[in-house]
């Protein structure tokens, strides 16, 4: 999990870097399931999901980043990187995406 003090530092850091609004999302969930076949356990599954999302708003522009590393220094760095993008106005123009479609290139050849 992430400490309350770390969240406070992230929020304050984002605002101190010029963001109009800073938001932190934390997900830490666990799930388990059991599948039965003919009243016998057939399969057991368990999963763990953890991540931290940070969103900074600059006017009507939103900048979002995420990490699965709860280290405070790395989260502050992530917040700084988002703020740097927000302050420089770096956003992806939808037209740019349309003009440069993603092209899949296979990584491995099959014999």
PDB file of N, CA and C in Angstrom:
ATOM      1  N   UNK A   1       0.839  -1.175   0.000  1.00  0.00           N
ATOM      2  CA  UNK A   1       0.000   0.000   0.000  1.00  0.00           C
ATOM      3  C   UNK A   1       0.884   1.238   0.000  1.00  0.00           C
ATOM      4  N   UNK A   2       0.299   2.383  -0.103  1.00  0.00           N
ATOM      5  CA  UNK A   2       1.024   3.639  -0.157  1.00  0.00           C
ATOM      6  C   UNK A   2       0.662   4.485   1.067  1.00  0.00           C
ATOM      7  N   UNK A   3       1.651   5.147   1.641  1.00  0.00           N
ATOM      8  CA  UNK A   3       1.429   5.941   2.851  1.00  0.00           C
ATOM      9  C   UNK A   3       0.628   7.208   2.546  1.00  0.00           C
ATOM     10  N   UNK A   4      -0.190   7.602   3.508  1.00  0.00           N
ATOM     11  CA  UNK A   4      -0.991   8.831   3.388  1.00  0.00           C
ATOM     12  C   UNK A   4      -0.075  10.034   3.163  1.00  0.00           C
ATOM     13  N   UNK A   5       1.073  10.057   3.831  1.00  0.00           N
ATOM     14  CA  UNK A   5       2.031  11.169   3.693  1.00  0.00           C
ATOM     15  C   UNK A   5       2.558  11.258   2.260  1.00  0.00           C
ATOM     16  N   UNK A   6       2.762  10.103   1.631  1.00  0.00           N
ATOM     17  CA  UNK A   6       3.255  10.091   0.250  1.00  0.00           C
ATOM     18  C   UNK A   6       2.203  10.677  -0.689  1.00  0.00           C
ATOM     19  N   UNK A   7       0.954  10.322  -0.479  1.00  0.00           N
ATOM     20  CA  UNK A   7      -0.127  10.872  -1.309  1.00  0.00           C
ATOM     21  C   UNK A   7      -0.192  12.387  -1.139  1.00  0.00           C
ATOM     22  N   UNK A   8      -0.082  12.850   0.099  1.00  0.00           N
ATOM     23  CA  UNK A   8      -0.113  14.287   0.361  1.00  0.00           C
ATOM     24  C   UNK A   8       1.032  14.991  -0.358  1.00  0.00           C
ATOM     25  N   UNK A   9       2.230  14.401  -0.321  1.00  0.00           N
ATOM     26  CA  UNK A   9       3.388  15.001  -0.999  1.00  0.00           C
ATOM     27  C   UNK A   9       3.179  15.063  -2.513  1.00  0.00           C
ATOM     28  N   UNK A  10       2.593  14.011  -3.083  1.00  0.00           N
ATOM     29  CA  UNK A  10       2.324  14.000  -4.522  1.00  0.00           C
ATOM     30  C   UNK A  10       1.340  15.110  -4.881  1.00  0.00           C
ATOM     31  N   UNK A  11       0.254  15.219  -4.109  1.00  0.00           N
ATOM     32  CA  UNK A  11      -0.753  16.252  -4.372  1.00  0.00           C
ATOM     33  C   UNK A  11      -0.141  17.649  -4.279  1.00  0.00           C
ATOM     34  N   UNK A  12       0.616  17.897  -3.237  1.00  0.00           N
ATOM     35  CA  UNK A  12       1.249  19.205  -3.051  1.00  0.00           C
ATOM     36  C   UNK A  12       2.282  19.483  -4.140  1.00  0.00           C
ATOM     37  N   UNK A  13       3.033  18.462  -4.530  1.00  0.00           N
ATOM     38  CA  UNK A  13       4.061  18.632  -5.555  1.00  0.00           C
ATOM     39  C   UNK A  13       3.438  18.999  -6.902  1.00  0.00           C
ATOM     40  N   UNK A  14       2.361  18.310  -7.247  1.00  0.00           N
ATOM     41  CA  UNK A  14       1.685  18.622  -8.507  1.00  0.00           C
ATOM     42  C   UNK A  14       1.190  20.059  -8.548  1.00  0.00           C
ATOM     43  N   UNK A  15       0.598  20.501  -7.460  1.00  0.00           N
ATOM     44  CA  UNK A  15       0.101  21.883  -7.398  1.00  0.00           C
ATOM     45  C   UNK A  15       1.248  22.887  -7.398  1.00  0.00           C
ATOM     46  N   UNK A  16       2.332  22.551  -6.713  1.00  0.00           N
ATOM     47  CA  UNK A  16       3.474  23.474  -6.661  1.00  0.00           C
ATOM     48  C   UNK A  16       4.159  23.611  -8.019  1.00  0.00           C
ATOM     49  N   UNK A  17       3.955  22.630  -8.895  1.00  0.00           N
ATOM     50  CA  UNK A  17       4.536  22.668 -10.243  1.00  0.00           C
ATOM     51  C   UNK A  17       3.606  23.326 -11.251  1.00  0.00           C
ATOM     52  N   UNK A  18       2.495  23.901 -10.766  1.00  0.00           N
ATOM     53  CA  UNK A  18       1.630  24.672 -11.644  1.00  0.00           C
ATOM     54  C   UNK A  18       0.345  24.008 -12.077  1.00  0.00           C
ATOM     55  N   UNK A  19       0.097  22.793 -11.638  1.00  0.00           N
ATOM     56  CA  UNK A  19      -1.159  22.126 -12.020  1.00  0.00           C
ATOM     57  C   UNK A  19      -2.332  22.816 -11.333  1.00  0.00           C
ATOM     58  N   UNK A  20      -3.452  22.902 -12.024  1.00  0.00           N
ATOM     59  CA  UNK A  20      -4.665  23.461 -11.439  1.00  0.00           C
ATOM     60  C   UNK A  20      -5.315  22.462 -10.482  1.00  0.00           C
ATOM     61  N   UNK A  21      -5.062  21.181 -10.726  1.00  0.00           N
ATOM     62  CA  UNK A  21      -5.673  20.123  -9.936  1.00  0.00           C
ATOM     63  C   UNK A  21      -4.782  18.895 -10.029  1.00  0.00           C
ATOM     64  N   UNK A  22      -4.634  18.193  -8.917  1.00  0.00           N
ATOM     65  CA  UNK A  22      -3.845  16.956  -8.890  1.00  0.00           C
ATOM     66  C   UNK A  22      -4.675  15.870  -8.227  1.00  0.00           C
ATOM     67  N   UNK A  23      -4.609  14.672  -8.799  1.00  0.00           N
ATOM     68  CA  UNK A  23      -5.417  13.561  -8.298  1.00  0.00           C
ATOM     69  C   UNK A  23      -4.552  12.307  -8.245  1.00  0.00           C
ATOM     70  N   UNK A  24      -4.756  11.502  -7.209  1.00  0.00           N
ATOM     71  CA  UNK A  24      -4.023  10.246  -7.055  1.00  0.00           C
ATOM     72  C   UNK A  24      -5.034   9.111  -6.923  1.00  0.00           C
ATOM     73  N   UNK A  25      -4.833   8.060  -7.713  1.00  0.00           N
ATOM     74  CA  UNK A  25      -5.657   6.856  -7.645  1.00  0.00           C
ATOM     75  C   UNK A  25      -4.779   5.727  -7.131  1.00  0.00           C
ATOM     76  N   UNK A  26      -5.284   4.953  -6.205  1.00  0.00           N
ATOM     77  CA  UNK A  26      -4.545   3.788  -5.723  1.00  0.00           C
ATOM     78  C   UNK A  26      -5.468   2.576  -5.816  1.00  0.00           C
ATOM     79  N   UNK A  27      -4.967   1.530  -6.455  1.00  0.00           N
ATOM     80  CA  UNK A  27      -5.721   0.278  -6.519  1.00  0.00           C
ATOM     81  C   UNK A  27      -4.877  -0.816  -5.887  1.00  0.00           C
ATOM     82  N   UNK A  28      -5.462  -1.511  -4.962  1.00  0.00           N
ATOM     83  CA  UNK A  28      -4.812  -2.660  -4.332  1.00  0.00           C
ATOM     84  C   UNK A  28      -5.904  -3.685  -4.080  1.00  0.00           C
ATOM     85  N   UNK A  29      -6.043  -4.608  -5.002  1.00  0.00           N
ATOM     86  CA  UNK A  29      -7.138  -5.566  -4.882  1.00  0.00           C
ATOM     87  C   UNK A  29      -6.628  -6.997  -5.038  1.00  0.00           C
ATOM     88  N   UNK A  30      -7.354  -7.879  -4.400  1.00  0.00           N
ATOM     89  CA  UNK A  30      -7.069  -9.307  -4.480  1.00  0.00           C
ATOM     90  C   UNK A  30      -8.371 -10.014  -4.785  1.00  0.00           C
ATOM     91  N   UNK A  31      -8.285 -11.043  -5.593  1.00  0.00           N
ATOM     92  CA  UNK A  31      -9.486 -11.820  -5.873  1.00  0.00           C
ATOM     93  C   UNK A  31      -9.133 -13.303  -5.963  1.00  0.00           C
ATOM     94  N   UNK A  32     -10.097 -14.100  -5.661  1.00  0.00           N
ATOM     95  CA  UNK A  32      -9.946 -15.555  -5.738  1.00  0.00           C
ATOM     96  C   UNK A  32     -11.225 -16.144  -6.307  1.00  0.00           C
ATOM     97  N   UNK A  33     -11.067 -17.235  -7.026  1.00  0.00           N
ATOM     98  CA  UNK A  33     -12.250 -17.938  -7.523  1.00  0.00           C
ATOM     99  C   UNK A  33     -11.980 -19.438  -7.534  1.00  0.00           C
ATOM    100  N   UNK A  34     -13.044 -20.164  -7.377  1.00  0.00           N
ATOM    101  CA  UNK A  34     -12.997 -21.624  -7.374  1.00  0.00           C
ATOM    102  C   UNK A  34     -13.993 -22.107  -8.416  1.00  0.00           C
ATOM    103  N   UNK A  35     -13.552 -22.985  -9.288  1.00  0.00           N
ATOM    104  CA  UNK A  35     -14.443 -23.583 -10.277  1.00  0.00           C
ATOM    105  C   UNK A  35     -14.691 -25.039  -9.890  1.00  0.00           C
ATOM    106  N   UNK A  36     -15.949 -25.400  -9.904  1.00  0.00           N
ATOM    107  CA  UNK A  36     -16.322 -26.765  -9.554  1.00  0.00           C
ATOM    108  C   UNK A  36     -16.762 -27.526 -10.798  1.00  0.00           C
ATOM    109  N   UNK A  37     -16.445 -28.805 -10.807  1.00  0.00           N
ATOM    110  CA  UNK A  37     -16.890 -29.698 -11.867  1.00  0.00           C
ATOM    111  C   UNK A  37     -17.331 -30.989 -11.195  1.00  0.00           C
ATOM    112  N   UNK A  38     -18.580 -31.324 -11.363  1.00  0.00           N
ATOM    113  CA  UNK A  38     -19.151 -32.501 -10.695  1.00  0.00           C
ATOM    114  C   UNK A  38     -18.947 -32.435  -9.176  1.00  0.00           C
ATOM    115  N   UNK A  39     -19.196 -31.270  -8.623  1.00  0.00           N
ATOM    116  CA  UNK A  39     -19.110 -31.006  -7.186  1.00  0.00           C
ATOM    117  C   UNK A  39     -17.703 -31.225  -6.611  1.00  0.00           C
ATOM    118  N   UNK A  40     -16.701 -31.134  -7.485  1.00  0.00           N
ATOM    119  CA  UNK A  40     -15.303 -31.221  -7.043  1.00  0.00           C
ATOM    120  C   UNK A  40     -14.570 -29.989  -7.544  1.00  0.00           C
ATOM    121  N   UNK A  41     -13.599 -29.566  -6.783  1.00  0.00           N
ATOM    122  CA  UNK A  41     -12.818 -28.404  -7.201  1.00  0.00           C
ATOM    123  C   UNK A  41     -12.028 -28.768  -8.449  1.00  0.00           C
ATOM    124  N   UNK A  42     -12.265 -28.012  -9.507  1.00  0.00           N
ATOM    125  CA  UNK A  42     -11.593 -28.228 -10.788  1.00  0.00           C
ATOM    126  C   UNK A  42     -10.437 -27.249 -10.963  1.00  0.00           C
ATOM    127  N   UNK A  43     -10.646 -26.022 -10.489  1.00  0.00           N
ATOM    128  CA  UNK A  43      -9.643 -24.994 -10.715  1.00  0.00           C
ATOM    129  C   UNK A  43      -9.742 -23.933  -9.629  1.00  0.00           C
ATOM    130  N   UNK A  44      -8.589 -23.456  -9.188  1.00  0.00           N
ATOM    131  CA  UNK A  44      -8.519 -22.363  -8.225  1.00  0.00           C
ATOM    132  C   UNK A  44      -7.683 -21.257  -8.848  1.00  0.00           C
ATOM    133  N   UNK A  45      -8.203 -20.049  -8.803  1.00  0.00           N
ATOM    134  CA  UNK A  45      -7.483 -18.905  -9.357  1.00  0.00           C
ATOM    135  C   UNK A  45      -7.398 -17.811  -8.316  1.00  0.00           C
ATOM    136  N   UNK A  46      -6.262 -17.135  -8.315  1.00  0.00           N
ATOM    137  CA  UNK A  46      -6.054 -16.019  -7.405  1.00  0.00           C
ATOM    138  C   UNK A  46      -5.295 -14.935  -8.155  1.00  0.00           C
ATOM    139  N   UNK A  47      -5.644 -13.683  -7.910  1.00  0.00           N
ATOM    140  CA  UNK A  47      -4.931 -12.585  -8.564  1.00  0.00           C
ATOM    141  C   UNK A  47      -4.768 -11.423  -7.598  1.00  0.00           C
ATOM    142  N   UNK A  48      -3.748 -10.644  -7.870  1.00  0.00           N
ATOM    143  CA  UNK A  48      -3.411  -9.484  -7.065  1.00  0.00           C
ATOM    144  C   UNK A  48      -3.162  -8.329  -8.027  1.00  0.00           C
ATOM    145  N   UNK A  49      -3.777  -7.198  -7.797  1.00  0.00           N
ATOM    146  CA  UNK A  49      -3.612  -6.046  -8.676  1.00  0.00           C
ATOM    147  C   UNK A  49      -3.245  -4.826  -7.839  1.00  0.00           C
ATOM    148  N   UNK A  50      -2.134  -4.181  -8.200  1.00  0.00           N
ATOM    149  CA  UNK A  50      -1.702  -2.994  -7.469  1.00  0.00           C
ATOM    150  C   UNK A  50      -1.186  -1.964  -8.462  1.00  0.00           C
ATOM    151  N   UNK A  51      -1.574  -0.726  -8.271  1.00  0.00           N
ATOM    152  CA  UNK A  51      -1.080   0.347  -9.117  1.00  0.00           C
ATOM    153  C   UNK A  51      -1.467   1.703  -8.571  1.00  0.00           C
ATOM    154  N   UNK A  52      -0.711   2.700  -8.998  1.00  0.00           N
ATOM    155  CA  UNK A  52      -0.939   4.079  -8.566  1.00  0.00           C
ATOM    156  C   UNK A  52      -1.027   4.936  -9.819  1.00  0.00           C
ATOM    157  N   UNK A  53      -2.107   5.687  -9.945  1.00  0.00           N
ATOM    158  CA  UNK A  53      -2.279   6.601 -11.064  1.00  0.00           C
ATOM    159  C   UNK A  53      -2.243   8.033 -10.572  1.00  0.00           C
ATOM    160  N   UNK A  54      -1.622   8.896 -11.348  1.00  0.00           N
ATOM    161  CA  UNK A  54      -1.531  10.319 -10.996  1.00  0.00           C
ATOM    162  C   UNK A  54      -2.028  11.112 -12.194  1.00  0.00           C
ATOM    163  N   UNK A  55      -2.954  12.040 -11.931  1.00  0.00           N
ATOM    164  CA  UNK A  55      -3.476  12.893 -12.992  1.00  0.00           C
ATOM    165  C   UNK A  55      -3.313  14.348 -12.597  1.00  0.00           C
ATOM    166  N   UNK A  56      -2.761  15.134 -13.501  1.00  0.00           N
ATOM    167  CA  UNK A  56      -2.610  16.570 -13.306  1.00  0.00           C
ATOM    168  C   UNK A  56      -3.430  17.285 -14.369  1.00  0.00           C
ATOM    169  N   UNK A  57      -4.173  18.301 -13.961  1.00  0.00           N
ATOM    170  CA  UNK A  57      -4.944  19.105 -14.901  1.00  0.00           C
ATOM    171  C   UNK A  57      -4.303  20.479 -15.042  1.00  0.00           C
ATOM    172  N   UNK A  58      -4.111  20.885 -16.280  1.00  0.00           N
ATOM    173  CA  UNK A  58      -3.620  22.218 -16.626  1.00  0.00           C
ATOM    174  C   UNK A  58      -4.661  22.813 -17.550  1.00  0.00           C
ATOM    175  N   UNK A  59      -5.518  23.679 -17.000  1.00  0.00           N
ATOM    176  CA  UNK A  59      -6.623  24.201 -17.798  1.00  0.00           C
ATOM    177  C   UNK A  59      -7.533  23.049 -18.194  1.00  0.00           C
ATOM    178  N   UNK A  60      -7.750  22.896 -19.507  1.00  0.00           N
ATOM    179  CA  UNK A  60      -8.614  21.804 -19.975  1.00  0.00           C
ATOM    180  C   UNK A  60      -7.803  20.610 -20.484  1.00  0.00           C
ATOM    181  N   UNK A  61      -6.509  20.567 -20.160  1.00  0.00           N
ATOM    182  CA  UNK A  61      -5.643  19.450 -20.555  1.00  0.00           C
ATOM    183  C   UNK A  61      -5.358  18.565 -19.348  1.00  0.00           C
ATOM    184  N   UNK A  62      -5.462  17.258 -19.546  1.00  0.00           N
ATOM    185  CA  UNK A  62      -5.171  16.300 -18.475  1.00  0.00           C
ATOM    186  C   UNK A  62      -3.926  15.498 -18.844  1.00  0.00           C
ATOM    187  N   UNK A  63      -3.071  15.279 -17.853  1.00  0.00           N
ATOM    188  CA  UNK A  63      -1.852  14.492 -18.023  1.00  0.00           C
ATOM    189  C   UNK A  63      -1.880  13.375 -16.990  1.00  0.00           C
ATOM    190  N   UNK A  64      -1.757  12.131 -17.460  1.00  0.00           N
ATOM    191  CA  UNK A  64      -1.925  10.973 -16.597  1.00  0.00           C
ATOM    192  C   UNK A  64      -0.723  10.044 -16.718  1.00  0.00           C
ATOM    193  N   UNK A  65      -0.292   9.536 -15.570  1.00  0.00           N
ATOM    194  CA  UNK A  65       0.766   8.534 -15.546  1.00  0.00           C
ATOM    195  C   UNK A  65       0.437   7.512 -14.476  1.00  0.00           C
ATOM    196  N   UNK A  66       1.051   6.347 -14.564  1.00  0.00           N
ATOM    197  CA  UNK A  66       0.790   5.310 -13.570  1.00  0.00           C
ATOM    198  C   UNK A  66       2.057   4.523 -13.296  1.00  0.00           C
ATOM    199  N   UNK A  67       2.054   3.849 -12.165  1.00  0.00           N
ATOM    200  CA  UNK A  67       3.198   3.041 -11.765  1.00  0.00           C
ATOM    201  C   UNK A  67       2.724   1.931 -10.839  1.00  0.00           C
ATOM    202  N   UNK A  68       3.457   0.852 -10.828  1.00  0.00           N
ATOM    203  CA  UNK A  68       3.198  -0.199  -9.843  1.00  0.00           C
ATOM    204  C   UNK A  68       4.257  -0.151  -8.736  1.00  0.00           C
ATOM    205  N   UNK A  69       5.104   0.868  -8.778  1.00  0.00           N
ATOM    206  CA  UNK A  69       6.166   1.052  -7.788  1.00  0.00           C
ATOM    207  C   UNK A  69       5.722   2.085  -6.756  1.00  0.00           C
ATOM    208  N   UNK A  70       5.536   1.704  -5.497  1.00  0.00           N
ATOM    209  CA  UNK A  70       5.063   2.653  -4.485  1.00  0.00           C
ATOM    210  C   UNK A  70       6.164   3.540  -3.899  1.00  0.00           C
ATOM    211  N   UNK A  71       7.382   3.470  -4.425  1.00  0.00           N
ATOM    212  CA  UNK A  71       8.478   4.278  -3.903  1.00  0.00           C
ATOM    213  C   UNK A  71       8.172   5.773  -4.054  1.00  0.00           C
ATOM    214  N   UNK A  72       8.234   6.491  -2.940  1.00  0.00           N
ATOM    215  CA  UNK A  72       7.861   7.909  -2.930  1.00  0.00           C
ATOM    216  C   UNK A  72       8.680   8.738  -3.921  1.00  0.00           C
ATOM    217  N   UNK A  73       9.984   8.531  -3.955  1.00  0.00           N
ATOM    218  CA  UNK A  73      10.845   9.315  -4.851  1.00  0.00           C
ATOM    219  C   UNK A  73      10.451   9.109  -6.313  1.00  0.00           C
ATOM    220  N   UNK A  74      10.128   7.877  -6.683  1.00  0.00           N
ATOM    221  CA  UNK A  74       9.728   7.605  -8.066  1.00  0.00           C
ATOM    222  C   UNK A  74       8.377   8.224  -8.402  1.00  0.00           C
ATOM    223  N   UNK A  75       7.458   8.237  -7.446  1.00  0.00           N
ATOM    224  CA  UNK A  75       6.147   8.846  -7.682  1.00  0.00           C
ATOM    225  C   UNK A  75       6.252  10.363  -7.794  1.00  0.00           C
ATOM    226  N   UNK A  76       7.130  10.959  -6.999  1.00  0.00           N
ATOM    227  CA  UNK A  76       7.359  12.409  -7.106  1.00  0.00           C
ATOM    228  C   UNK A  76       7.982  12.728  -8.466  1.00  0.00           C
ATOM    229  N   UNK A  77       8.904  11.884  -8.929  1.00  0.00           N
ATOM    230  CA  UNK A  77       9.517  12.070 -10.247  1.00  0.00           C
ATOM    231  C   UNK A  77       8.467  11.948 -11.345  1.00  0.00           C
ATOM    232  N   UNK A  78       7.581  10.974 -11.229  1.00  0.00           N
ATOM    233  CA  UNK A  78       6.493  10.821 -12.190  1.00  0.00           C
ATOM    234  C   UNK A  78       5.634  12.080 -12.218  1.00  0.00           C
ATOM    235  N   UNK A  79       5.317  12.611 -11.035  1.00  0.00           N
ATOM    236  CA  UNK A  79       4.518  13.842 -10.938  1.00  0.00           C
ATOM    237  C   UNK A  79       5.256  15.002 -11.607  1.00  0.00           C
ATOM    238  N   UNK A  80       6.564  15.093 -11.387  1.00  0.00           N
ATOM    239  CA  UNK A  80       7.374  16.146 -12.022  1.00  0.00           C
ATOM    240  C   UNK A  80       7.351  16.020 -13.542  1.00  0.00           C
ATOM    241  N   UNK A  81       7.463  14.790 -14.039  1.00  0.00           N
ATOM    242  CA  UNK A  81       7.439  14.580 -15.489  1.00  0.00           C
ATOM    243  C   UNK A  81       6.093  14.989 -16.087  1.00  0.00           C
ATOM    244  N   UNK A  82       5.017  14.654 -15.385  1.00  0.00           N
ATOM    245  CA  UNK A  82       3.688  15.053 -15.860  1.00  0.00           C
ATOM    246  C   UNK A  82       3.553  16.571 -15.857  1.00  0.00           C
ATOM    247  N   UNK A  83       4.045  17.205 -14.797  1.00  0.00           N
ATOM    248  CA  UNK A  83       3.966  18.662 -14.697  1.00  0.00           C
ATOM    249  C   UNK A  83       4.800  19.327 -15.785  1.00  0.00           C
ATOM    250  N   UNK A  84       5.958  18.763 -16.080  1.00  0.00           N
ATOM    251  CA  UNK A  84       6.799  19.313 -17.145  1.00  0.00           C
ATOM    252  C   UNK A  84       6.070  19.265 -18.484  1.00  0.00           C
ATOM    253  N   UNK A  85       5.395  18.153 -18.743  1.00  0.00           N
ATOM    254  CA  UNK A  85       4.605  18.040 -19.973  1.00  0.00           C
ATOM    255  C   UNK A  85       3.460  19.046 -19.978  1.00  0.00           C
ATOM    256  N   UNK A  86       2.794  19.190 -18.833  1.00  0.00           N
ATOM    257  CA  UNK A  86       1.679  20.127 -18.741  1.00  0.00           C
ATOM    258  C   UNK A  86       2.111  21.570 -18.905  1.00  0.00           C
ATOM    259  N   UNK A  87       3.243  21.921 -18.323  1.00  0.00           N
ATOM    260  CA  UNK A  87       3.739  23.292 -18.412  1.00  0.00           C
ATOM    261  C   UNK A  87       4.244  23.639 -19.806  1.00  0.00           C
ATOM    262  N   UNK A  88       4.707  22.630 -20.541  1.00  0.00           N
ATOM    263  CA  UNK A  88       5.200  22.894 -21.889  1.00  0.00           C
ATOM    264  C   UNK A  88       4.090  22.733 -22.931  1.00  0.00           C
ATOM    265  N   UNK A  89       2.905  22.289 -22.463  1.00  0.00           N
ATOM    266  CA  UNK A  89       1.774  22.135 -23.367  1.00  0.00           C
ATOM    267  C   UNK A  89       1.908  20.950 -24.302  1.00  0.00           C
ATOM    268  N   UNK A  90       2.716  19.968 -23.924  1.00  0.00           N
ATOM    269  CA  UNK A  90       2.897  18.783 -24.771  1.00  0.00           C
ATOM    270  C   UNK A  90       1.687  17.877 -24.653  1.00  0.00           C
ATOM    271  N   UNK A  91       0.906  17.863 -25.676  1.00  0.00           N
ATOM    272  CA  UNK A  91      -0.201  16.910 -25.724  1.00  0.00           C
ATOM    273  C   UNK A  91      -0.253  16.350 -27.134  1.00  0.00           C
ATOM    274  N   UNK A  92      -0.822  15.189 -27.263  1.00  0.00           N
ATOM    275  CA  UNK A  92      -0.902  14.550 -28.564  1.00  0.00           C
ATOM    276  C   UNK A  92      -2.154  15.030 -29.279  1.00  0.00           C
ATOM    277  N   UNK A  93      -1.960  15.636 -30.410  1.00  0.00           N
ATOM    278  CA  UNK A  93      -3.059  16.113 -31.235  1.00  0.00           C
ATOM    279  C   UNK A  93      -3.733  14.910 -31.897  1.00  0.00           C
ATOM    280  N   UNK A  94      -5.055  14.757 -31.765  1.00  0.00           N
ATOM    281  CA  UNK A  94      -5.736  13.613 -32.379  1.00  0.00           C
ATOM    282  C   UNK A  94      -5.447  13.501 -33.881  1.00  0.00           C
ATOM    283  N   UNK A  95      -5.264  14.645 -34.551  1.00  0.00           N
ATOM    284  CA  UNK A  95      -4.969  14.611 -35.978  1.00  0.00           C
ATOM    285  C   UNK A  95      -3.625  13.929 -36.224  1.00  0.00           C
ATOM    286  N   UNK A  96      -2.662  14.156 -35.344  1.00  0.00           N
ATOM    287  CA  UNK A  96      -1.362  13.509 -35.475  1.00  0.00           C
ATOM    288  C   UNK A  96      -1.514  12.006 -35.393  1.00  0.00           C
ATOM    289  N   UNK A  97      -2.349  11.531 -34.482  1.00  0.00           N
ATOM    290  CA  UNK A  97      -2.577  10.098 -34.355  1.00  0.00           C
ATOM    291  C   UNK A  97      -3.223   9.525 -35.607  1.00  0.00           C
ATOM    292  N   UNK A  98      -4.167  10.263 -36.181  1.00  0.00           N
ATOM    293  CA  UNK A  98      -4.844   9.782 -37.375  1.00  0.00           C
ATOM    294  C   UNK A  98      -3.878   9.694 -38.551  1.00  0.00           C
ATOM    295  N   UNK A  99      -2.941  10.618 -38.631  1.00  0.00           N
ATOM    296  CA  UNK A  99      -1.991  10.638 -39.740  1.00  0.00           C
ATOM    297  C   UNK A  99      -0.858   9.635 -39.571  1.00  0.00           C
ATOM    298  N   UNK A 100      -0.687   9.096 -38.387  1.00  0.00           N
ATOM    299  CA  UNK A 100       0.372   8.139 -38.107  1.00  0.00           C
ATOM    300  C   UNK A 100      -0.207   6.898 -37.441  1.00  0.00           C
ATOM    301  N   UNK A 101      -0.933   6.084 -38.198  1.00  0.00           N
ATOM    302  CA  UNK A 101      -1.556   4.910 -37.586  1.00  0.00           C
ATOM    303  C   UNK A 101      -0.513   3.910 -37.117  1.00  0.00           C
ATOM    304  N   UNK A 102      -0.889   3.141 -36.123  1.00  0.00           N
ATOM    305  CA  UNK A 102      -0.028   2.096 -35.587  1.00  0.00           C
ATOM    306  C   UNK A 102       0.082   0.974 -36.610  1.00  0.00           C
ATOM    307  N   UNK A 103       1.295   0.539 -36.845  1.00  0.00           N
ATOM    308  CA  UNK A 103       1.511  -0.593 -37.745  1.00  0.00           C
ATOM    309  C   UNK A 103       2.193  -1.696 -36.963  1.00  0.00           C
ATOM    310  N   UNK A 104       1.581  -2.870 -36.989  1.00  0.00           N
ATOM    311  CA  UNK A 104       2.128  -4.019 -36.291  1.00  0.00           C
ATOM    312  C   UNK A 104       3.212  -4.658 -37.143  1.00  0.00           C
ATOM    313  N   UNK A 105       4.361  -4.894 -36.523  1.00  0.00           N
ATOM    314  CA  UNK A 105       5.404  -5.644 -37.217  1.00  0.00           C
ATOM    315  C   UNK A 105       5.771  -6.818 -36.342  1.00  0.00           C
ATOM    316  N   UNK A 106       5.705  -8.007 -36.910  1.00  0.00           N
ATOM    317  CA  UNK A 106       5.967  -9.207 -36.118  1.00  0.00           C
ATOM    318  C   UNK A 106       7.395  -9.208 -35.545  1.00  0.00           C
ATOM    319  N   UNK A 107       7.511  -9.683 -34.332  1.00  0.00           N
ATOM    320  CA  UNK A 107       8.819  -9.707 -33.685  1.00  0.00           C
ATOM    321  C   UNK A 107       9.592 -10.966 -34.017  1.00  0.00           C
ATOM    322  N   UNK A 108       8.885 -12.002 -34.354  1.00  0.00           N
ATOM    323  CA  UNK A 108       9.543 -13.288 -34.557  1.00  0.00           C
ATOM    324  C   UNK A 108       8.979 -13.958 -35.796  1.00  0.00           C
ATOM    325  N   UNK A 109       9.842 -14.640 -36.526  1.00  0.00           N
ATOM    326  CA  UNK A 109       9.339 -15.380 -37.681  1.00  0.00           C
ATOM    327  C   UNK A 109       9.030 -16.808 -37.260  1.00  0.00           C
ATOM    328  N   UNK A 110       8.017 -17.356 -37.867  1.00  0.00           N
ATOM    329  CA  UNK A 110       7.621 -18.723 -37.551  1.00  0.00           C
ATOM    330  C   UNK A 110       8.087 -19.632 -38.676  1.00  0.00           C
ATOM    331  N   UNK A 111       8.608 -20.775 -38.299  1.00  0.00           N
ATOM    332  CA  UNK A 111       9.094 -21.733 -39.304  1.00  0.00           C
ATOM    333  C   UNK A 111       8.075 -22.786 -39.571  1.00  0.00           C
TER     334      UNK A 111
END
